[in-house]
Amino acid sequence: MKLAVIFSVPMTTSPGFAWRWRSADYKRESAEWFIFYRDCVEDAERSGYKVELGRIETHDAAQRSNAKRA
């Protein structure tokens, strides 16, 4: 089972943030952002990923960069 993690990204417009998802292994990320959490989860599921509901991570570009090098 492929797992995905939901995370928030800051936005300059209201409500101030949006949702995106990425695979747990950092190999794939959503192509777009979502205002509603549920829309983000549904997009991940349509892409073949299972989302652990309630697990939300903060967006950390440095963490992603390090993971891609590993």
PDB file of N, CA and C in Angstrom:
ATOM      1  N   MET A   1       0.836  -1.178   0.000  1.00  0.00           N
ATOM      2  CA  MET A   1       0.000   0.000   0.000  1.00  0.00           C
ATOM      3  C   MET A   1       0.882   1.243   0.000  1.00  0.00           C
ATOM      4  N   LYS A   2       0.639   2.137  -0.940  1.00  0.00           N
ATOM      5  CA  LYS A   2       1.375   3.394  -0.996  1.00  0.00           C
ATOM      6  C   LYS A   2       0.723   4.389  -0.036  1.00  0.00           C
ATOM      7  N   LEU A   3       1.545   5.013   0.786  1.00  0.00           N
ATOM      8  CA  LEU A   3       1.043   5.969   1.771  1.00  0.00           C
ATOM      9  C   LEU A   3       1.336   7.396   1.346  1.00  0.00           C
ATOM     10  N   ALA A   4       0.446   8.297   1.712  1.00  0.00           N
ATOM     11  CA  ALA A   4       0.627   9.722   1.446  1.00  0.00           C
ATOM     12  C   ALA A   4       0.454  10.507   2.732  1.00  0.00           C
ATOM     13  N   VAL A   5       1.103  11.648   2.771  1.00  0.00           N
ATOM     14  CA  VAL A   5       1.042  12.548   3.918  1.00  0.00           C
ATOM     15  C   VAL A   5       0.474  13.878   3.433  1.00  0.00           C
ATOM     16  N   ILE A   6      -0.433  14.444   4.198  1.00  0.00           N
ATOM     17  CA  ILE A   6      -1.013  15.751   3.892  1.00  0.00           C
ATOM     18  C   ILE A   6      -0.206  16.819   4.625  1.00  0.00           C
ATOM     19  N   PHE A   7       0.049  17.932   3.941  1.00  0.00           N
ATOM     20  CA  PHE A   7       0.753  19.034   4.599  1.00  0.00           C
ATOM     21  C   PHE A   7       0.175  20.359   4.124  1.00  0.00           C
ATOM     22  N   SER A   8       0.388  21.379   4.912  1.00  0.00           N
ATOM     23  CA  SER A   8      -0.105  22.706   4.559  1.00  0.00           C
ATOM     24  C   SER A   8       1.026  23.544   3.976  1.00  0.00           C
ATOM     25  N   VAL A   9       0.645  24.456   3.099  1.00  0.00           N
ATOM     26  CA  VAL A   9       1.603  25.391   2.519  1.00  0.00           C
ATOM     27  C   VAL A   9       1.057  26.801   2.709  1.00  0.00           C
ATOM     28  N   PRO A  10       1.925  27.745   3.043  1.00  0.00           N
ATOM     29  CA  PRO A  10       1.451  29.122   3.246  1.00  0.00           C
ATOM     30  C   PRO A  10       1.004  29.742   1.919  1.00  0.00           C
ATOM     31  N   MET A  11      -0.033  30.551   1.991  1.00  0.00           N
ATOM     32  CA  MET A  11      -0.555  31.263   0.827  1.00  0.00           C
ATOM     33  C   MET A  11      -0.688  32.738   1.201  1.00  0.00           C
ATOM     34  N   THR A  12      -0.564  33.596   0.221  1.00  0.00           N
ATOM     35  CA  THR A  12      -0.701  35.028   0.497  1.00  0.00           C
ATOM     36  C   THR A  12      -2.153  35.480   0.425  1.00  0.00           C
ATOM     37  N   THR A  13      -3.031  34.590   0.012  1.00  0.00           N
ATOM     38  CA  THR A  13      -4.453  34.923  -0.058  1.00  0.00           C
ATOM     39  C   THR A  13      -5.202  34.242   1.076  1.00  0.00           C
ATOM     40  N   SER A  14      -6.439  34.628   1.267  1.00  0.00           N
ATOM     41  CA  SER A  14      -7.265  34.010   2.298  1.00  0.00           C
ATOM     42  C   SER A  14      -7.533  32.564   1.910  1.00  0.00           C
ATOM     43  N   PRO A  15      -7.493  31.612   2.790  1.00  0.00           N
ATOM     44  CA  PRO A  15      -7.424  31.675   4.237  1.00  0.00           C
ATOM     45  C   PRO A  15      -6.003  31.691   4.792  1.00  0.00           C
ATOM     46  N   GLY A  16      -4.992  31.871   3.976  1.00  0.00           N
ATOM     47  CA  GLY A  16      -3.630  31.958   4.479  1.00  0.00           C
ATOM     48  C   GLY A  16      -2.823  30.687   4.306  1.00  0.00           C
ATOM     49  N   PHE A  17      -3.472  29.580   3.934  1.00  0.00           N
ATOM     50  CA  PHE A  17      -2.756  28.331   3.685  1.00  0.00           C
ATOM     51  C   PHE A  17      -3.596  27.454   2.763  1.00  0.00           C
ATOM     52  N   ALA A  18      -2.954  26.457   2.188  1.00  0.00           N
ATOM     53  CA  ALA A  18      -3.634  25.472   1.353  1.00  0.00           C
ATOM     54  C   ALA A  18      -3.073  24.101   1.701  1.00  0.00           C
ATOM     55  N   TRP A  19      -3.711  23.061   1.183  1.00  0.00           N
ATOM     56  CA  TRP A  19      -3.286  21.687   1.449  1.00  0.00           C
ATOM     57  C   TRP A  19      -2.649  21.070   0.216  1.00  0.00           C
ATOM     58  N   ARG A  20      -1.641  20.254   0.442  1.00  0.00           N
ATOM     59  CA  ARG A  20      -1.033  19.432  -0.611  1.00  0.00           C
ATOM     60  C   ARG A  20      -0.753  18.066  -0.014  1.00  0.00           C
ATOM     61  N   TRP A  21      -0.431  17.105  -0.851  1.00  0.00           N
ATOM     62  CA  TRP A  21      -0.043  15.784  -0.360  1.00  0.00           C
ATOM     63  C   TRP A  21       1.255  15.372  -1.043  1.00  0.00           C
ATOM     64  N   ARG A  22       1.955  14.469  -0.391  1.00  0.00           N
ATOM     65  CA  ARG A  22       3.164  13.878  -0.966  1.00  0.00           C
ATOM     66  C   ARG A  22       3.212  12.428  -0.534  1.00  0.00           C
ATOM     67  N   SER A  23       3.887  11.620  -1.326  1.00  0.00           N
ATOM     68  CA  SER A  23       4.042  10.218  -0.948  1.00  0.00           C
ATOM     69  C   SER A  23       4.971  10.132   0.257  1.00  0.00           C
ATOM     70  N   ALA A  24       4.799   9.106   1.054  1.00  0.00           N
ATOM     71  CA  ALA A  24       5.607   8.939   2.265  1.00  0.00           C
ATOM     72  C   ALA A  24       7.090   8.785   1.930  1.00  0.00           C
ATOM     73  N   ASP A  25       7.400   8.313   0.718  1.00  0.00           N
ATOM     74  CA  ASP A  25       8.797   8.146   0.314  1.00  0.00           C
ATOM     75  C   ASP A  25       9.342   9.376  -0.435  1.00  0.00           C
ATOM     76  N   TYR A  26       8.566  10.450  -0.494  1.00  0.00           N
ATOM     77  CA  TYR A  26       8.950  11.723  -1.129  1.00  0.00           C
ATOM     78  C   TYR A  26       9.131  11.613  -2.644  1.00  0.00           C
ATOM     79  N   LYS A  27       8.646  10.563  -3.280  1.00  0.00           N
ATOM     80  CA  LYS A  27       8.850  10.394  -4.722  1.00  0.00           C
ATOM     81  C   LYS A  27       7.769  11.068  -5.555  1.00  0.00           C
ATOM     82  N   ARG A  28       6.632  11.386  -4.944  1.00  0.00           N
ATOM     83  CA  ARG A  28       5.548  12.010  -5.695  1.00  0.00           C
ATOM     84  C   ARG A  28       4.849  13.036  -4.821  1.00  0.00           C
ATOM     85  N   GLU A  29       4.392  14.103  -5.451  1.00  0.00           N
ATOM     86  CA  GLU A  29       3.703  15.172  -4.737  1.00  0.00           C
ATOM     87  C   GLU A  29       2.525  15.639  -5.573  1.00  0.00           C
ATOM     88  N   SER A  30       1.500  16.139  -4.929  1.00  0.00           N
ATOM     89  CA  SER A  30       0.327  16.608  -5.670  1.00  0.00           C
ATOM     90  C   SER A  30       0.731  17.709  -6.649  1.00  0.00           C
ATOM     91  N   ALA A  31       0.065  17.711  -7.783  1.00  0.00           N
ATOM     92  CA  ALA A  31       0.357  18.694  -8.821  1.00  0.00           C
ATOM     93  C   ALA A  31      -0.293  20.040  -8.529  1.00  0.00           C
ATOM     94  N   GLU A  32      -1.250  20.047  -7.629  1.00  0.00           N
ATOM     95  CA  GLU A  32      -1.943  21.290  -7.308  1.00  0.00           C
ATOM     96  C   GLU A  32      -2.157  21.402  -5.801  1.00  0.00           C
ATOM     97  N   TRP A  33      -2.674  22.542  -5.368  1.00  0.00           N
ATOM     98  CA  TRP A  33      -2.990  22.749  -3.956  1.00  0.00           C
ATOM     99  C   TRP A  33      -4.502  22.786  -3.813  1.00  0.00           C
ATOM    100  N   PHE A  34      -4.961  22.572  -2.578  1.00  0.00           N
ATOM    101  CA  PHE A  34      -6.387  22.466  -2.313  1.00  0.00           C
ATOM    102  C   PHE A  34      -6.772  23.346  -1.127  1.00  0.00           C
ATOM    103  N   ILE A  35      -7.896  24.011  -1.250  1.00  0.00           N
ATOM    104  CA  ILE A  35      -8.394  24.829  -0.135  1.00  0.00           C
ATOM    105  C   ILE A  35      -8.954  23.924   0.955  1.00  0.00           C
ATOM    106  N   PHE A  36      -9.606  22.848   0.562  1.00  0.00           N
ATOM    107  CA  PHE A  36     -10.237  21.953   1.528  1.00  0.00           C
ATOM    108  C   PHE A  36      -9.409  20.695   1.724  1.00  0.00           C
ATOM    109  N   TYR A  37      -9.224  20.317   2.971  1.00  0.00           N
ATOM    110  CA  TYR A  37      -8.454  19.126   3.346  1.00  0.00           C
ATOM    111  C   TYR A  37      -9.009  17.888   2.648  1.00  0.00           C
ATOM    112  N   ARG A  38     -10.326  17.719   2.672  1.00  0.00           N
ATOM    113  CA  ARG A  38     -10.955  16.532   2.088  1.00  0.00           C
ATOM    114  C   ARG A  38     -10.674  16.425   0.589  1.00  0.00           C
ATOM    115  N   ASP A  39     -10.650  17.537  -0.131  1.00  0.00           N
ATOM    116  CA  ASP A  39     -10.337  17.508  -1.559  1.00  0.00           C
ATOM    117  C   ASP A  39      -8.919  17.000  -1.786  1.00  0.00           C
ATOM    118  N   CYS A  40      -8.015  17.382  -0.911  1.00  0.00           N
ATOM    119  CA  CYS A  40      -6.629  16.939  -0.999  1.00  0.00           C
ATOM    120  C   CYS A  40      -6.535  15.424  -0.772  1.00  0.00           C
ATOM    121  N   VAL A  41      -7.233  14.939   0.237  1.00  0.00           N
ATOM    122  CA  VAL A  41      -7.257  13.503   0.538  1.00  0.00           C
ATOM    123  C   VAL A  41      -7.820  12.731  -0.654  1.00  0.00           C
ATOM    124  N   GLU A  42      -8.904  13.207  -1.219  1.00  0.00           N
ATOM    125  CA  GLU A  42      -9.522  12.518  -2.354  1.00  0.00           C
ATOM    126  C   GLU A  42      -8.599  12.479  -3.564  1.00  0.00           C
ATOM    127  N   ASP A  43      -7.844  13.545  -3.791  1.00  0.00           N
ATOM    128  CA  ASP A  43      -6.898  13.556  -4.904  1.00  0.00           C
ATOM    129  C   ASP A  43      -5.796  12.517  -4.690  1.00  0.00           C
ATOM    130  N   ALA A  44      -5.287  12.425  -3.484  1.00  0.00           N
ATOM    131  CA  ALA A  44      -4.264  11.424  -3.173  1.00  0.00           C
ATOM    132  C   ALA A  44      -4.820  10.021  -3.384  1.00  0.00           C
ATOM    133  N   GLU A  45      -6.049   9.794  -2.939  1.00  0.00           N
ATOM    134  CA  GLU A  45      -6.662   8.479  -3.101  1.00  0.00           C
ATOM    135  C   GLU A  45      -6.898   8.145  -4.576  1.00  0.00           C
ATOM    136  N   ARG A  46      -7.299   9.123  -5.382  1.00  0.00           N
ATOM    137  CA  ARG A  46      -7.477   8.898  -6.825  1.00  0.00           C
ATOM    138  C   ARG A  46      -6.145   8.548  -7.487  1.00  0.00           C
ATOM    139  N   SER A  47      -5.060   9.013  -6.902  1.00  0.00           N
ATOM    140  CA  SER A  47      -3.723   8.736  -7.436  1.00  0.00           C
ATOM    141  C   SER A  47      -3.144   7.425  -6.906  1.00  0.00           C
ATOM    142  N   GLY A  48      -3.938   6.683  -6.132  1.00  0.00           N
ATOM    143  CA  GLY A  48      -3.521   5.373  -5.655  1.00  0.00           C
ATOM    144  C   GLY A  48      -2.837   5.351  -4.299  1.00  0.00           C
ATOM    145  N   TYR A  49      -3.008   6.416  -3.519  1.00  0.00           N
ATOM    146  CA  TYR A  49      -2.371   6.499  -2.207  1.00  0.00           C
ATOM    147  C   TYR A  49      -3.405   6.413  -1.101  1.00  0.00           C
ATOM    148  N   LYS A  50      -2.984   5.911   0.031  1.00  0.00           N
ATOM    149  CA  LYS A  50      -3.810   5.883   1.238  1.00  0.00           C
ATOM    150  C   LYS A  50      -3.284   6.957   2.178  1.00  0.00           C
ATOM    151  N   VAL A  51      -4.190   7.773   2.669  1.00  0.00           N
ATOM    152  CA  VAL A  51      -3.830   8.862   3.577  1.00  0.00           C
ATOM    153  C   VAL A  51      -4.217   8.461   4.988  1.00  0.00           C
ATOM    154  N   GLU A  52      -3.278   8.608   5.903  1.00  0.00           N
ATOM    155  CA  GLU A  52      -3.572   8.387   7.316  1.00  0.00           C
ATOM    156  C   GLU A  52      -4.273   9.641   7.826  1.00  0.00           C
ATOM    157  N   LEU A  53      -5.601   9.571   7.924  1.00  0.00           N
ATOM    158  CA  LEU A  53      -6.367  10.746   8.314  1.00  0.00           C
ATOM    159  C   LEU A  53      -5.947  11.223   9.696  1.00  0.00           C
ATOM    160  N   GLY A  54      -5.826  12.521   9.838  1.00  0.00           N
ATOM    161  CA  GLY A  54      -5.416  13.103  11.108  1.00  0.00           C
ATOM    162  C   GLY A  54      -3.921  13.353  11.193  1.00  0.00           C
ATOM    163  N   ARG A  55      -3.135  12.718  10.332  1.00  0.00           N
ATOM    164  CA  ARG A  55      -1.693  12.962  10.326  1.00  0.00           C
ATOM    165  C   ARG A  55      -1.412  14.094   9.356  1.00  0.00           C
ATOM    166  N   ILE A  56      -0.978  15.199   9.902  1.00  0.00           N
ATOM    167  CA  ILE A  56      -0.680  16.391   9.104  1.00  0.00           C
ATOM    168  C   ILE A  56       0.746  16.809   9.412  1.00  0.00           C
ATOM    169  N   GLU A  57       1.511  17.062   8.378  1.00  0.00           N
ATOM    170  CA  GLU A  57       2.888  17.512   8.563  1.00  0.00           C
ATOM    171  C   GLU A  57       3.026  18.933   8.047  1.00  0.00           C
ATOM    172  N   THR A  58       4.013  19.621   8.565  1.00  0.00           N
ATOM    173  CA  THR A  58       4.298  20.954   8.062  1.00  0.00           C
ATOM    174  C   THR A  58       5.185  20.829   6.845  1.00  0.00           C
ATOM    175  N   HIS A  59       5.068  21.758   5.939  1.00  0.00           N
ATOM    176  CA  HIS A  59       5.882  21.761   4.735  1.00  0.00           C
ATOM    177  C   HIS A  59       7.290  22.204   5.110  1.00  0.00           C
ATOM    178  N   ASP A  60       8.270  21.394   4.788  1.00  0.00           N
ATOM    179  CA  ASP A  60       9.652  21.696   5.141  1.00  0.00           C
ATOM    180  C   ASP A  60      10.528  21.428   3.922  1.00  0.00           C
ATOM    181  N   ALA A  61      10.858  22.474   3.185  1.00  0.00           N
ATOM    182  CA  ALA A  61      11.632  22.325   1.953  1.00  0.00           C
ATOM    183  C   ALA A  61      13.000  21.698   2.210  1.00  0.00           C
ATOM    184  N   ALA A  62      13.639  22.035   3.324  1.00  0.00           N
ATOM    185  CA  ALA A  62      14.953  21.469   3.634  1.00  0.00           C
ATOM    186  C   ALA A  62      14.845  19.962   3.848  1.00  0.00           C
ATOM    187  N   GLN A  63      13.804  19.525   4.519  1.00  0.00           N
ATOM    188  CA  GLN A  63      13.591  18.099   4.751  1.00  0.00           C
ATOM    189  C   GLN A  63      13.407  17.374   3.424  1.00  0.00           C
ATOM    190  N   ARG A  64      12.639  17.944   2.520  1.00  0.00           N
ATOM    191  CA  ARG A  64      12.413  17.329   1.208  1.00  0.00           C
ATOM    192  C   ARG A  64      13.712  17.252   0.429  1.00  0.00           C
ATOM    193  N   SER A  65      14.520  18.292   0.457  1.00  0.00           N
ATOM    194  CA  SER A  65      15.792  18.297  -0.264  1.00  0.00           C
ATOM    195  C   SER A  65      16.711  17.199   0.240  1.00  0.00           C
ATOM    196  N   ASN A  66      16.772  17.035   1.554  1.00  0.00           N
ATOM    197  CA  ASN A  66      17.615  15.992   2.133  1.00  0.00           C
ATOM    198  C   ASN A  66      17.127  14.605   1.755  1.00  0.00           C
ATOM    199  N   ALA A  67      15.824  14.415   1.723  1.00  0.00           N
ATOM    200  CA  ALA A  67      15.262  13.104   1.398  1.00  0.00           C
ATOM    201  C   ALA A  67      15.548  12.731  -0.051  1.00  0.00           C
ATOM    202  N   LYS A  68      15.542  13.697  -0.956  1.00  0.00           N
ATOM    203  CA  LYS A  68      15.802  13.417  -2.357  1.00  0.00           C
ATOM    204  C   LYS A  68      17.254  13.008  -2.581  1.00  0.00           C
ATOM    205  N   ARG A  69      18.144  13.469  -1.729  1.00  0.00           N
ATOM    206  CA  ARG A  69      19.558  13.118  -1.869  1.00  0.00           C
ATOM    207  C   ARG A  69      19.857  11.724  -1.354  1.00  0.00           C
ATOM    208  N   ALA A  70      19.016  11.237  -0.431  1.00  0.00           N
ATOM    209  CA  ALA A  70      19.277   9.940   0.209  1.00  0.00           C
ATOM    210  C   ALA A  70      19.092   8.790  -0.755  1.00  0.00           C
TER     211      ALA A  70
END
